[in-house]
């Protein structure tokens, strides 16, 4: 891009922001909290009359729980799922009156701390059930919990044998107040996979053995399988942030996250010269190469690296793709901008890593992984700008 064109493009890129990225920011993550709230409302409407919770584990999928949880709470979400006790404590402080489930359940010796935090463990084993029940003062003061049953994922969850054993142990059961019975799909991202219906049927068959409580089976992908899979509560996480992981079916959500990184330098590379570590890429002709301030430490996977003659990942400038060449390193990527002609990007310009041109699914697919992993690895080094919502602000780091 020419200096004039470049400056105009960069101005328009951030024109919608109340706060501009700091001059020293090498990268910026823009989070649209208004879109996040709209996504939760859209999913809630999609699954009605089932209730809609929000999964905000792993710092709200890397987006920032301190901003995400208040936004969703203000939108109407009153049930949150996290993985760890530390995450639960944060969620409790941010949404004091909400119901908070801890997916890791009762770790050995953690029962008292869970009770003190006023959160609900998701129990996946007989040992957890006994430890949690042992904290109850009496059968007249049972402790709230959720039961996680295994319907075929063979990860966490009580087996049919565990459930039968627990059902006959009245000393334990009388001290548990089961608020939710849940399970987890193995293949919900493949809508036509026979295992989805199999797990739904197993879940139904287990109900006579379980306490009477609301039921939950579907998360982000499962809720798109249809009403037969919704039960009483759905648990979207990735979909809240605009994720579209279900091929062939469009979840009714909008993108929430955009990521940009600075151009540090434009280089001329002569034929035969190599680019990057291990000399995996060699130029066949004169090239212009932009060096971008993002690497695998910032969430751009090393698998985006390209050798000569192949192209895996891209960045974009004003909607035009520039292929990544050479190895992605810890802090830097190099991209081919030869074909930009008179609009070659300039030092200081912003390259789109995730945004309107390059989706989370694009980056995940090109990296040989999934958008979930890309999202949760967003760099803490990049400046973050939050748009809309009750906690909108700019923050460094």
Protein backbone atom coordinates (compact mmCIF):
# COMPACT_ATOMS: atom_id res chain seq x y z
CA UNK A 1 0.00 0.00 0.00
CA UNK A 2 1.16 3.51 -0.62
CA UNK A 3 1.74 5.59 2.47
CA UNK A 4 -1.52 7.50 1.86
CA UNK A 5 -3.59 4.39 1.12
CA UNK A 6 -2.00 2.55 4.02
CA UNK A 7 -2.81 5.29 6.48
CA UNK A 8 -6.41 5.53 5.27
CA UNK A 9 -6.91 1.77 5.57
CA UNK A 10 -5.48 1.70 9.07
CA UNK A 11 -7.65 4.64 10.18
CA UNK A 12 -10.79 2.91 8.90
CA UNK A 13 -9.78 -0.34 10.61
CA UNK A 14 -10.10 1.20 14.06
CA UNK A 15 -12.61 3.95 13.30
CA UNK A 16 -15.34 2.11 15.24
CA UNK A 17 -13.25 1.96 18.41
CA UNK A 18 -13.62 4.39 21.30
CA UNK A 19 -10.06 3.66 22.38
CA UNK A 20 -7.22 3.22 19.91
CA UNK A 21 -4.52 0.61 20.45
CA UNK A 22 -1.50 1.97 22.33
CA UNK A 23 1.34 3.09 20.06
CA UNK A 24 3.58 0.45 21.64
CA UNK A 25 1.12 -2.42 21.02
CA UNK A 26 2.53 -5.09 18.73
CA UNK A 27 -0.87 -6.75 18.51
CA UNK A 28 -4.47 -6.10 19.43
CA UNK A 29 -7.44 -8.32 20.23
CA UNK A 30 -10.84 -6.68 19.72
CA UNK A 31 -13.73 -8.27 21.64
CA UNK A 32 -17.29 -7.24 20.75
CA UNK A 33 -19.19 -7.69 24.00
CA UNK A 34 -22.40 -6.50 22.35
CA UNK A 35 -22.15 -9.37 19.86
CA UNK A 36 -21.39 -11.75 22.73
CA UNK A 37 -24.61 -10.75 24.53
CA UNK A 38 -26.57 -11.02 21.28
CA UNK A 39 -25.15 -14.50 20.72
CA UNK A 40 -26.30 -15.73 24.11
CA UNK A 41 -29.79 -14.31 23.52
CA UNK A 42 -29.94 -15.92 20.07
CA UNK A 43 -28.94 -19.31 21.46
CA UNK A 44 -31.44 -18.94 24.31
CA UNK A 45 -34.20 -18.29 21.77
CA UNK A 46 -33.02 -21.18 19.59
CA UNK A 47 -33.30 -23.76 22.37
CA UNK A 48 -36.44 -22.46 24.14
CA UNK A 49 -38.17 -23.75 26.20
CA UNK A 50 -34.90 -25.29 27.42
CA UNK A 51 -32.74 -23.01 29.57
CA UNK A 52 -29.42 -21.67 28.29
CA UNK A 53 -26.33 -21.58 30.49
CA UNK A 54 -22.88 -20.24 29.59
CA UNK A 55 -19.56 -22.10 29.73
CA UNK A 56 -16.81 -19.64 30.68
CA UNK A 57 -13.92 -21.92 31.60
CA UNK A 58 -10.30 -21.17 30.61
CA UNK A 59 -10.71 -17.41 31.16
CA UNK A 60 -13.88 -17.48 29.05
CA UNK A 61 -12.14 -19.37 26.23
CA UNK A 62 -9.24 -16.93 26.36
CA UNK A 63 -11.46 -13.90 25.73
CA UNK A 64 -11.38 -12.54 29.30
CA UNK A 65 -13.73 -13.78 32.02
CA UNK A 66 -13.62 -10.44 33.86
CA UNK A 67 -15.45 -8.87 30.91
CA UNK A 68 -17.39 -11.84 29.54
CA UNK A 69 -19.14 -12.98 32.72
CA UNK A 70 -20.64 -9.57 33.66
CA UNK A 71 -21.74 -9.07 30.04
CA UNK A 72 -23.54 -12.43 29.91
CA UNK A 73 -24.99 -11.92 33.38
CA UNK A 74 -26.45 -8.56 32.33
CA UNK A 75 -27.86 -10.22 29.20
CA UNK A 76 -29.77 -12.67 31.41
CA UNK A 77 -27.44 -15.64 31.88
CA UNK A 78 -27.70 -16.90 35.44
CA UNK A 79 -26.00 -20.30 35.18
CA UNK A 80 -22.28 -20.63 34.48
CA UNK A 81 -19.95 -23.61 34.05
CA UNK A 82 -16.24 -23.39 34.81
CA UNK A 83 -13.52 -26.02 35.10
CA UNK A 84 -11.63 -25.17 38.29
CA UNK A 85 -12.28 -23.81 41.76
CA UNK A 86 -10.21 -20.70 41.06
CA UNK A 87 -12.36 -20.01 38.01
CA UNK A 88 -15.46 -20.58 40.14
CA UNK A 89 -14.32 -18.07 42.75
CA UNK A 90 -13.80 -15.47 40.03
CA UNK A 91 -17.22 -16.21 38.52
CA UNK A 92 -18.87 -15.95 41.94
CA UNK A 93 -17.33 -12.51 42.48
CA UNK A 94 -18.45 -11.34 39.03
CA UNK A 95 -21.97 -12.83 39.12
CA UNK A 96 -22.81 -13.08 42.85
CA UNK A 97 -26.36 -14.42 42.51
CA UNK A 98 -25.71 -16.93 39.73
CA UNK A 99 -25.53 -20.70 39.84
CA UNK A 100 -21.95 -21.82 39.22
CA UNK A 101 -20.99 -25.41 38.38
CA UNK A 102 -17.41 -26.68 38.66
CA UNK A 103 -16.73 -29.30 35.99
CA UNK A 104 -13.58 -30.68 37.64
CA UNK A 105 -15.76 -31.73 40.55
CA UNK A 106 -14.40 -32.57 43.98
CA UNK A 107 -10.62 -32.97 43.94
CA UNK A 108 -9.25 -34.90 46.92
CA UNK A 109 -9.36 -32.64 49.96
CA UNK A 110 -11.16 -29.79 48.15
CA UNK A 111 -14.70 -30.27 49.48
CA UNK A 112 -14.49 -27.63 52.22
CA UNK A 113 -13.07 -25.03 49.83
CA UNK A 114 -15.86 -25.72 47.30
CA UNK A 115 -18.48 -25.32 50.00
CA UNK A 116 -16.92 -22.10 51.26
CA UNK A 117 -16.95 -20.69 47.70
CA UNK A 118 -20.69 -21.43 47.44
CA UNK A 119 -20.36 -23.26 44.12
CA UNK A 120 -21.69 -26.59 42.89
CA UNK A 121 -19.34 -29.44 42.00
CA UNK A 122 -20.12 -31.70 39.06
CA UNK A 123 -19.59 -35.17 40.52
CA UNK A 124 -18.20 -37.81 38.17
CA UNK A 125 -17.30 -40.70 40.52
CA UNK A 126 -18.38 -42.58 43.63
CA UNK A 127 -15.38 -41.29 45.56
CA UNK A 128 -16.32 -37.68 44.80
CA UNK A 129 -19.91 -38.30 45.85
CA UNK A 130 -18.83 -39.77 49.17
CA UNK A 131 -16.36 -36.97 49.90
CA UNK A 132 -18.90 -34.28 49.10
CA UNK A 133 -21.66 -36.03 51.09
CA UNK A 134 -19.28 -36.40 54.02
CA UNK A 135 -19.21 -32.61 54.36
CA UNK A 136 -23.00 -32.38 54.86
CA UNK A 137 -23.93 -31.64 58.49
CA UNK A 138 -26.84 -34.12 58.33
CA UNK A 139 -29.35 -35.68 55.95
CA UNK A 140 -31.56 -32.66 56.65
CA UNK A 141 -28.93 -30.33 55.22
CA UNK A 142 -27.84 -31.97 51.95
CA UNK A 143 -25.20 -30.31 49.78
CA UNK A 144 -25.97 -29.19 46.23
CA UNK A 145 -24.19 -31.01 43.41
CA UNK A 146 -24.56 -32.13 39.81
CA UNK A 147 -24.13 -35.69 38.55
CA UNK A 148 -22.05 -36.30 35.45
CA UNK A 149 -22.91 -39.63 33.82
CA UNK A 150 -20.97 -41.31 31.04
CA UNK A 151 -23.08 -42.07 27.97
CA UNK A 152 -20.24 -43.14 25.70
CA UNK A 153 -17.50 -40.51 25.71
CA UNK A 154 -15.44 -42.52 28.22
CA UNK A 155 -13.87 -39.46 29.71
CA UNK A 156 -15.32 -38.12 32.98
CA UNK A 157 -18.65 -39.49 34.17
CA UNK A 158 -20.21 -42.23 36.29
CA UNK A 159 -20.85 -45.58 34.65
CA UNK A 160 -24.13 -47.47 34.91
CA UNK A 161 -22.50 -49.62 37.58
CA UNK A 162 -21.47 -46.52 39.56
CA UNK A 163 -24.98 -45.11 39.31
CA UNK A 164 -26.56 -48.34 40.57
CA UNK A 165 -24.10 -48.50 43.46
CA UNK A 166 -24.73 -44.88 44.42
CA UNK A 167 -28.52 -45.26 44.16
CA UNK A 168 -28.40 -48.05 46.76
CA UNK A 169 -26.18 -46.05 49.13
CA UNK A 170 -28.83 -44.07 50.98
CA UNK A 171 -26.36 -42.74 53.54
CA UNK A 172 -24.60 -40.87 50.72
CA UNK A 173 -27.65 -40.02 48.60
CA UNK A 174 -29.58 -38.54 51.54
CA UNK A 175 -26.79 -35.98 51.95
CA UNK A 176 -26.74 -34.89 48.32
CA UNK A 177 -29.13 -32.42 46.69
CA UNK A 178 -28.75 -33.18 42.98
CA UNK A 179 -29.52 -30.00 41.03
CA UNK A 180 -28.54 -31.25 37.55
CA UNK A 181 -27.79 -34.50 35.73
CA UNK A 182 -25.49 -34.01 32.73
CA UNK A 183 -23.48 -35.87 30.14
CA UNK A 184 -21.31 -34.94 27.19
CA UNK A 185 -21.41 -35.81 23.49
CA UNK A 186 -18.45 -37.43 21.75
CA UNK A 187 -19.33 -36.56 18.13
CA UNK A 188 -21.68 -33.57 18.21
CA UNK A 189 -19.49 -31.79 15.65
CA UNK A 190 -20.60 -34.46 13.14
CA UNK A 191 -24.34 -33.98 12.90
CA UNK A 192 -24.94 -37.25 11.10
CA UNK A 193 -22.81 -39.44 13.38
CA UNK A 194 -24.79 -42.38 14.76
CA UNK A 195 -23.17 -41.96 18.18
CA UNK A 196 -25.18 -38.79 18.83
CA UNK A 197 -28.50 -40.62 18.84
CA UNK A 198 -26.95 -43.52 20.74
CA UNK A 199 -25.77 -41.23 23.54
CA UNK A 200 -29.13 -39.46 23.68
CA UNK A 201 -30.88 -42.83 24.03
CA UNK A 202 -28.49 -44.00 26.76
CA UNK A 203 -29.08 -40.72 28.61
CA UNK A 204 -32.83 -41.33 28.48
CA UNK A 205 -32.45 -44.93 29.61
CA UNK A 206 -30.43 -43.91 32.65
CA UNK A 207 -33.05 -41.52 34.03
CA UNK A 208 -35.00 -44.10 36.12
CA UNK A 209 -31.76 -44.83 38.01
CA UNK A 210 -31.02 -41.18 38.76
CA UNK A 211 -32.48 -38.56 41.10
CA UNK A 212 -35.18 -36.37 39.62
CA UNK A 213 -33.37 -33.25 38.41
CA UNK A 214 -33.04 -31.07 35.28
CA UNK A 215 -31.15 -32.78 32.46
CA UNK A 216 -28.33 -31.43 30.27
CA UNK A 217 -26.60 -33.15 27.36
CA UNK A 218 -25.85 -30.57 24.66
CA UNK A 219 -23.08 -27.99 24.46
CA UNK A 220 -22.28 -25.66 21.52
CA UNK A 221 -22.46 -28.27 18.75
CA UNK A 222 -25.04 -30.53 20.37
CA UNK A 223 -27.63 -27.78 20.69
CA UNK A 224 -27.76 -27.61 16.88
CA UNK A 225 -28.79 -31.27 16.60
CA UNK A 226 -32.42 -30.44 17.31
CA UNK A 227 -34.95 -30.26 20.17
CA UNK A 228 -34.60 -33.97 21.01
CA UNK A 229 -31.10 -33.16 22.25
CA UNK A 230 -31.87 -30.02 24.27
CA UNK A 231 -33.45 -31.58 27.39
CA UNK A 232 -33.77 -28.97 30.18
CA UNK A 233 -30.51 -27.03 29.85
CA UNK A 234 -27.91 -26.46 27.13
CA UNK A 235 -24.31 -25.44 27.82
CA UNK A 236 -22.85 -23.31 24.99
CA UNK A 237 -19.27 -22.14 25.29
CA UNK A 238 -17.43 -21.82 21.98
CA UNK A 239 -20.60 -20.77 20.15
CA UNK A 240 -20.96 -17.74 22.43
CA UNK A 241 -17.80 -16.34 20.87
CA UNK A 242 -18.99 -16.83 17.30
CA UNK A 243 -17.55 -20.32 16.80
CA UNK A 244 -18.96 -22.28 13.86
CA UNK A 245 -17.56 -25.77 14.41
CA UNK A 246 -20.47 -27.78 12.96
CA UNK A 247 -19.94 -28.34 9.21
CA UNK A 248 -23.05 -27.80 7.15
CA UNK A 249 -25.05 -26.12 9.90
CA UNK A 250 -24.83 -22.44 10.74
CA UNK A 251 -25.17 -21.66 14.44
CA UNK A 252 -27.14 -18.39 14.88
CA UNK A 253 -24.20 -16.41 16.25
CA UNK A 254 -21.93 -13.58 15.11
CA UNK A 255 -18.14 -13.26 15.36
CA UNK A 256 -16.98 -11.73 18.63
CA UNK A 257 -13.18 -11.69 18.34
CA UNK A 258 -10.80 -10.02 15.89
CA UNK A 259 -7.01 -10.18 16.13
CA UNK A 260 -4.47 -7.90 14.42
CA UNK A 261 -0.68 -7.61 14.57
CA UNK A 262 1.76 -4.94 13.40
CA UNK A 263 4.03 -5.00 10.39
CA UNK A 264 7.54 -4.51 11.75
CA UNK A 265 9.44 -4.41 8.48
CA UNK A 266 9.13 -4.87 4.71
CA UNK A 267 12.03 -6.79 3.14
CA UNK A 268 13.15 -7.51 -0.40
CA UNK A 269 14.14 -11.17 -0.88
CA UNK A 270 16.14 -12.16 -3.97
CA UNK A 271 15.75 -15.44 -5.92
CA UNK A 272 17.43 -18.30 -4.09
CA UNK A 273 17.39 -16.59 -0.71
CA UNK A 274 15.64 -18.39 2.13
CA UNK A 275 13.18 -17.06 4.69
CA UNK A 276 12.98 -18.08 8.33
CA UNK A 277 14.36 -20.83 10.53
CA UNK A 278 15.64 -24.06 8.95
CA UNK A 279 15.59 -22.39 5.51
CA UNK A 280 12.35 -24.23 4.63
CA UNK A 281 11.24 -21.55 2.16
CA UNK A 282 13.33 -20.33 -0.78
CA UNK A 283 12.31 -17.52 -3.13
CA UNK A 284 11.95 -18.42 -6.81
CA UNK A 285 11.87 -14.75 -7.87
CA UNK A 286 12.16 -11.28 -6.34
CA UNK A 287 9.74 -11.03 -3.42
CA UNK A 288 8.51 -8.48 -0.95
CA UNK A 289 8.11 -9.98 2.51
CA UNK A 290 6.33 -8.41 5.48
CA UNK A 291 7.55 -9.33 8.95
CA UNK A 292 4.61 -9.44 11.38
CA UNK A 293 4.81 -9.07 15.18
CA UNK A 294 3.03 -12.33 16.02
CA UNK A 295 4.25 -15.85 16.56
CA UNK A 296 3.36 -19.07 18.27
CA UNK A 297 3.71 -17.30 21.64
CA UNK A 298 0.83 -15.09 20.50
CA UNK A 299 -1.51 -17.86 19.34
CA UNK A 300 -0.36 -18.22 15.71
CA UNK A 301 0.45 -21.96 15.61
CA UNK A 302 3.75 -23.16 14.21
CA UNK A 303 1.71 -25.46 11.96
CA UNK A 304 0.81 -22.41 9.87
CA UNK A 305 4.39 -22.50 8.59
CA UNK A 306 4.83 -23.08 4.86
CA UNK A 307 7.69 -24.49 2.84
CA UNK A 308 8.45 -23.55 -0.76
CA UNK A 309 5.59 -24.32 -3.09
CA UNK A 310 2.92 -24.71 -0.41
CA UNK A 311 0.66 -22.35 1.50
CA UNK A 312 -1.10 -23.10 4.77
CA UNK A 313 -1.88 -19.95 6.69
CA UNK A 314 -2.54 -16.34 5.73
CA UNK A 315 -2.89 -12.87 7.13
CA UNK A 316 -4.99 -10.22 5.44
CA UNK A 317 -4.64 -6.53 4.63
CA UNK A 318 -7.90 -4.72 3.83
CA UNK A 319 -9.49 -8.02 2.82
CA UNK A 320 -6.61 -9.21 0.62
CA UNK A 321 -4.84 -12.39 1.66
CA UNK A 322 -1.08 -12.63 2.09
CA UNK A 323 0.29 -16.18 2.50
CA UNK A 324 2.55 -17.06 5.40
CA UNK A 325 5.96 -18.24 4.17
CA UNK A 326 8.79 -19.84 6.12
CA UNK A 327 8.59 -20.97 9.72
CA UNK A 328 6.33 -19.32 12.26
CA UNK A 329 8.66 -18.47 15.14
CA UNK A 330 7.96 -17.52 18.73
CA UNK A 331 7.44 -13.81 18.08
CA UNK A 332 7.32 -13.37 14.29
CA UNK A 333 5.72 -14.55 11.08
CA UNK A 334 6.72 -13.66 7.54
CA UNK A 335 4.22 -13.20 4.72
CA UNK A 336 4.47 -12.72 0.96
CA UNK A 337 3.17 -9.30 -0.11
CA UNK A 338 4.78 -9.27 -3.57
CA UNK A 339 1.45 -9.20 -5.41
CA UNK A 340 0.20 -6.14 -3.54
CA UNK A 341 2.04 -4.04 -6.14
CA UNK A 342 1.43 -0.31 -5.47
CA UNK A 343 -0.43 -1.04 -2.24
CA UNK A 344 2.33 -2.85 -0.39
CA UNK A 345 1.77 -2.78 3.39
CA UNK A 346 4.02 -0.42 5.32
CA UNK A 347 5.88 -0.59 8.61
CA UNK A 348 3.35 -0.04 11.40
CA UNK A 349 0.35 -1.30 9.43
CA UNK A 350 -1.98 -3.88 10.98
CA UNK A 351 -2.32 -7.39 9.58
CA UNK A 352 -5.54 -9.26 10.22
CA UNK A 353 -4.94 -12.64 11.88
CA UNK A 354 -8.60 -13.32 12.75
CA UNK A 355 -11.43 -11.14 11.55
CA UNK A 356 -13.84 -10.50 8.69
CA UNK A 357 -11.52 -12.10 6.11
CA UNK A 358 -9.97 -14.94 8.15
CA UNK A 359 -12.27 -16.80 10.55
CA UNK A 360 -11.43 -18.82 13.63
CA UNK A 361 -12.38 -21.93 11.66
CA UNK A 362 -9.99 -20.91 8.86
CA UNK A 363 -7.06 -20.60 11.26
CA UNK A 364 -7.94 -23.82 13.03
CA UNK A 365 -8.25 -25.78 9.80
CA UNK A 366 -5.05 -24.35 8.32
CA UNK A 367 -3.21 -25.22 11.56
CA UNK A 368 -4.46 -28.80 11.65
CA UNK A 369 -6.47 -28.14 14.81
CA UNK A 370 -9.80 -26.52 15.78
CA UNK A 371 -10.97 -22.98 16.41
CA UNK A 372 -11.42 -23.80 20.11
CA UNK A 373 -7.66 -24.21 20.51
CA UNK A 374 -6.90 -21.04 18.54
CA UNK A 375 -9.30 -19.00 20.67
CA UNK A 376 -7.99 -20.26 24.01
CA UNK A 377 -4.39 -19.50 22.99
CA UNK A 378 -4.90 -15.80 22.27
CA UNK A 379 -1.87 -13.88 23.41
CA UNK A 380 -1.73 -12.17 26.81
CA UNK A 381 0.92 -9.94 25.20
CA UNK A 382 -1.57 -8.30 22.84
CA UNK A 383 -3.51 -5.23 23.88
CA UNK A 384 -7.22 -5.92 24.30
CA UNK A 385 -10.07 -3.61 23.40
CA UNK A 386 -13.59 -4.43 24.57
CA UNK A 387 -16.53 -2.95 22.66
CA UNK A 388 -19.96 -2.47 24.24
CA UNK A 389 -21.24 -4.35 27.27
CA UNK A 390 -21.13 -3.30 30.93
CA UNK A 391 -17.33 -3.66 31.17
CA UNK A 392 -16.14 -2.16 27.91
CA UNK A 393 -12.61 -0.77 28.04
CA UNK A 394 -9.13 -1.00 26.63
CA UNK A 395 -6.45 -2.90 28.49
CA UNK A 396 -2.81 -3.51 27.83
CA UNK A 397 -0.95 -6.76 28.11
